[in-house]
Structures are given as C-alpha cells and as structure tokens.
C-alpha cells in the first residue's frame, strides 16, 4: 500500500541513491593517471569479452541481504541499508562514467542499457527492502519502549515482506545469470 510515509521513504532513499550515483561519477575525476589507465584497460577487456561474461550477483546478495535483515533487528540495519544503497549508486555512477570514457556517447548509451538491464529491477526491490528494514527497526524500538503486542505483530508482517523482497532479488539474479548476458550482447554493437 502506497502511503505518504512510504512515499517519503522512497524519496529519501532515491536521494541517497542519486548522491551515490553522483559520487561514483565524480570519483573518476580524482583518480591518478595510472589508476585511470588501469580502469580503462579493465573496461576495454570487459567490453571485448562481453559475450563470455555471466552476470553473477547471486552469492553476493545471498550473503549481504540477509545480513541487512538481521542487522535491522539490531537497529543498525538503518545506517547499513542506507550505506549499501549509497554504495550501489556509487557503482552505477562509476561504471557509467567509465563506459563514457571508453566509448564516448555510444558508451554512455551502452552503459545506460547495461545498468537498466542489470540494476533497474534490483534497485526497485532494494529500495522496497530497505524501506521495510527501516520500518522493522522503528517497530523494534517502539516494541522495546512501549511493550505493545501491536508492534510485535507488525514486525512479523514486515519480516515476511523483507523475506519476499530478498527472494525476489535472488530470483532476479538467477534470471540475469541465465539470460542477462544475452540481453546485453544485443547492444554490444555500440561499443565493439
């Protein structure tokens, strides 16, 4: 259900994601020449070997997302979730900037397509998950302070919602693993 609270969370988390995107984009400008050359070489190699690459984020997400869920019960999940979202924004900005450096305007278009295919559904689900984790932490604090059973029941519902988000993210990762590279290779004419 879309409420004004959910809308505020979504806007706040979108701003955090945007800040990460900008930081990732700007970060390349502060790198030394040797680091830039190394990154350019890595991106060239990535683009040359694009048809053989599998998008495999399954193990990373199986480890990190349940950790964030557990951390939300300890209330440290709020800053960890926000930092993780900022980090994902940073990675998108960083990769997009490098696609531009390597391929110019065509690299930018390819970078957008690449990030849409690999990150769009994931980021939507991650924002939903982090919103849920924030609510879990807030309800845990309320339960500890007020000892009201209402908060305990709400925590259980939110926990199930968070588990569903994690399962959907893992399913998205499995789909990307099997067909993501085929989708991306449709557009590799832009950079090869």
Protein backbone atom coordinates (compact mmCIF):
# COMPACT_ATOMS: atom_id res chain seq x y z
CA UNK A 1 0.00 0.00 0.00
CA UNK A 2 1.40 3.35 -1.05
CA UNK A 3 1.13 5.80 1.83
CA UNK A 4 2.69 9.19 2.43
CA UNK A 5 5.22 7.52 4.77
CA UNK A 6 6.22 5.07 2.03
CA UNK A 7 6.47 7.97 -0.42
CA UNK A 8 8.78 9.84 1.98
CA UNK A 9 10.97 6.76 2.40
CA UNK A 10 11.08 6.28 -1.37
CA UNK A 11 12.05 9.91 -1.97
CA UNK A 12 14.69 9.83 0.78
CA UNK A 13 16.20 6.56 -0.49
CA UNK A 14 16.10 7.81 -4.10
CA UNK A 15 18.05 10.89 -3.00
CA UNK A 16 20.62 8.63 -1.28
CA UNK A 17 20.87 6.58 -4.47
CA UNK A 18 21.27 9.78 -6.51
CA UNK A 19 24.03 11.03 -4.21
CA UNK A 20 25.85 7.72 -4.64
CA UNK A 21 25.42 7.98 -8.42
CA UNK A 22 26.94 11.46 -8.48
CA UNK A 23 29.80 10.44 -6.16
CA UNK A 24 30.60 7.45 -8.39
CA UNK A 25 30.50 9.63 -11.48
CA UNK A 26 32.77 12.28 -9.98
CA UNK A 27 35.17 9.82 -8.34
CA UNK A 28 36.92 9.03 -11.62
CA UNK A 29 38.00 12.68 -11.93
CA UNK A 30 40.03 12.37 -8.71
CA UNK A 31 41.93 9.25 -9.74
CA UNK A 32 45.59 9.36 -10.71
CA UNK A 33 46.53 8.82 -14.36
CA UNK A 34 47.85 5.33 -13.61
CA UNK A 35 44.56 4.36 -11.96
CA UNK A 36 42.56 5.77 -14.86
CA UNK A 37 44.65 3.85 -17.39
CA UNK A 38 44.20 0.66 -15.36
CA UNK A 39 40.44 1.17 -15.19
CA UNK A 40 40.22 1.99 -18.91
CA UNK A 41 42.15 -1.18 -19.72
CA UNK A 42 39.85 -3.20 -17.46
CA UNK A 43 36.76 -1.76 -19.14
CA UNK A 44 38.21 -2.40 -22.62
CA UNK A 45 38.86 -6.01 -21.62
CA UNK A 46 35.35 -6.26 -20.17
CA UNK A 47 33.82 -4.99 -23.40
CA UNK A 48 35.96 -7.27 -25.58
CA UNK A 49 34.97 -10.32 -23.52
CA UNK A 50 31.34 -9.29 -23.16
CA UNK A 51 29.88 -12.32 -24.90
CA UNK A 52 31.55 -14.69 -22.40
CA UNK A 53 30.60 -12.83 -19.23
CA UNK A 54 27.88 -14.05 -16.87
CA UNK A 55 26.16 -11.60 -14.55
CA UNK A 56 26.52 -13.37 -11.23
CA UNK A 57 25.38 -11.42 -8.19
CA UNK A 58 23.67 -14.37 -6.51
CA UNK A 59 26.30 -15.21 -3.89
CA UNK A 60 26.85 -11.54 -3.02
CA UNK A 61 23.15 -10.95 -2.47
CA UNK A 62 22.65 -14.23 -0.60
CA UNK A 63 25.28 -13.04 1.88
CA UNK A 64 24.58 -9.30 2.16
CA UNK A 65 20.78 -9.07 2.10
CA UNK A 66 20.09 -11.49 4.98
CA UNK A 67 22.85 -9.73 6.90
CA UNK A 68 20.99 -6.43 6.42
CA UNK A 69 17.77 -8.11 7.57
CA UNK A 70 19.41 -9.41 10.74
CA UNK A 71 21.03 -6.01 11.33
CA UNK A 72 17.60 -4.35 11.14
CA UNK A 73 16.57 -6.36 14.21
CA UNK A 74 19.59 -4.90 15.98
CA UNK A 75 18.61 -1.41 14.75
CA UNK A 76 21.96 -0.95 12.98
CA UNK A 77 20.23 -2.05 9.79
CA UNK A 78 19.09 1.51 9.09
CA UNK A 79 22.56 3.01 8.53
CA UNK A 80 23.87 -0.20 6.95
CA UNK A 81 20.98 -0.29 4.47
CA UNK A 82 21.47 3.37 3.59
CA UNK A 83 25.22 2.89 3.14
CA UNK A 84 24.60 -0.18 0.97
CA UNK A 85 22.19 1.80 -1.23
CA UNK A 86 24.72 4.65 -1.48
CA UNK A 87 27.36 2.09 -2.48
CA UNK A 88 25.12 0.69 -5.23
CA UNK A 89 24.53 4.20 -6.56
CA UNK A 90 28.28 4.81 -6.47
CA UNK A 91 28.92 1.65 -8.51
CA UNK A 92 26.37 2.64 -11.13
CA UNK A 93 27.83 6.15 -11.45
CA UNK A 94 31.37 4.80 -11.57
CA UNK A 95 30.58 2.22 -14.26
CA UNK A 96 28.57 4.72 -16.32
CA UNK A 97 31.43 7.23 -16.22
CA UNK A 98 33.87 4.54 -17.33
CA UNK A 99 31.61 3.46 -20.18
CA UNK A 100 31.64 7.11 -21.30
CA UNK A 101 35.44 7.31 -21.06
CA UNK A 102 35.88 4.11 -23.07
CA UNK A 103 33.10 4.55 -25.64
CA UNK A 104 32.05 8.20 -25.70
CA UNK A 105 28.37 8.81 -26.41
CA UNK A 106 27.85 5.23 -27.60
CA UNK A 107 29.50 4.08 -24.37
CA UNK A 108 27.05 6.24 -22.43
CA UNK A 109 24.08 4.67 -24.23
CA UNK A 110 25.51 1.18 -23.69
CA UNK A 111 26.20 1.99 -20.02
CA UNK A 112 22.59 3.11 -19.56
CA UNK A 113 21.28 -0.05 -21.20
CA UNK A 114 23.68 -2.22 -19.20
CA UNK A 115 22.64 -0.63 -15.89
CA UNK A 116 18.95 -0.77 -16.77
CA UNK A 117 19.18 -4.48 -17.57
CA UNK A 118 21.34 -5.39 -14.58
CA UNK A 119 20.20 -2.91 -11.93
CA UNK A 120 16.71 -1.48 -12.51
CA UNK A 121 14.60 -4.28 -11.03
CA UNK A 122 17.23 -4.90 -8.35
CA UNK A 123 17.28 -1.25 -7.24
CA UNK A 124 13.48 -1.10 -7.08
CA UNK A 125 13.40 -4.22 -4.90
CA UNK A 126 16.36 -3.00 -2.83
CA UNK A 127 14.59 0.29 -2.07
CA UNK A 128 11.50 -1.69 -1.05
CA UNK A 129 13.68 -3.93 1.13
CA UNK A 130 15.49 -1.05 2.81
CA UNK A 131 12.17 0.72 3.44
CA UNK A 132 10.93 -2.46 5.10
CA UNK A 133 14.14 -2.80 7.13
CA UNK A 134 13.80 0.77 8.38
CA UNK A 135 10.22 0.03 9.44
CA UNK A 136 11.35 -3.14 11.22
CA UNK A 137 13.95 -1.19 13.19
CA UNK A 138 11.46 1.54 14.10
CA UNK A 139 8.89 -1.04 15.21
CA UNK A 140 11.50 -2.88 17.29
CA UNK A 141 12.35 0.37 19.07
CA UNK A 142 8.63 1.03 19.63
CA UNK A 143 8.09 -2.50 20.90
CA UNK A 144 11.00 -2.25 23.34
CA UNK A 145 9.80 1.11 24.62
CA UNK A 146 6.03 0.55 24.70
CA UNK A 147 5.83 -3.26 25.07
CA UNK A 148 2.72 -3.26 22.87
CA UNK A 149 1.86 -6.51 21.05
CA UNK A 150 0.74 -4.46 18.04
CA UNK A 151 4.37 -3.69 17.22
CA UNK A 152 5.38 -7.33 17.55
CA UNK A 153 2.69 -8.37 15.06
CA UNK A 154 3.75 -5.60 12.71
CA UNK A 155 7.39 -6.75 12.93
CA UNK A 156 6.34 -10.26 11.87
CA UNK A 157 4.45 -8.90 8.85
CA UNK A 158 7.39 -6.67 7.89
CA UNK A 159 9.81 -9.59 8.31
CA UNK A 160 7.76 -11.64 5.83
CA UNK A 161 7.73 -8.69 3.42
CA UNK A 162 11.52 -8.35 3.73
CA UNK A 163 11.97 -12.07 3.07
CA UNK A 164 9.78 -11.75 -0.02
CA UNK A 165 11.93 -8.85 -1.29
CA UNK A 166 15.10 -10.91 -0.75
CA UNK A 167 13.58 -13.90 -2.57
CA UNK A 168 12.54 -11.67 -5.49
CA UNK A 169 16.04 -10.17 -5.67
CA UNK A 170 17.58 -13.65 -5.74
CA UNK A 171 15.12 -14.72 -8.47
CA UNK A 172 16.06 -11.60 -10.44
CA UNK A 173 19.74 -12.54 -10.01
CA UNK A 174 19.05 -16.08 -11.27
CA UNK A 175 17.24 -14.72 -14.34
CA UNK A 176 20.13 -12.30 -15.01
CA UNK A 177 22.60 -15.14 -14.63
CA UNK A 178 20.93 -17.17 -17.36
CA UNK A 179 19.70 -14.52 -19.82
CA UNK A 180 21.30 -11.21 -18.76
CA UNK A 181 24.38 -11.59 -20.93
CA UNK A 182 22.18 -12.40 -23.97
CA UNK A 183 20.19 -9.20 -23.41
CA UNK A 184 23.34 -7.12 -23.01
CA UNK A 185 25.00 -8.68 -26.06
CA UNK A 186 22.15 -7.41 -28.23
CA UNK A 187 23.57 -3.92 -27.67
CA UNK A 188 27.29 -4.66 -27.81
CA UNK A 189 27.49 -3.18 -31.32
CA UNK A 190 27.52 0.19 -29.57
CA UNK A 191 30.93 -0.35 -28.00
CA UNK A 192 32.74 -3.01 -30.04
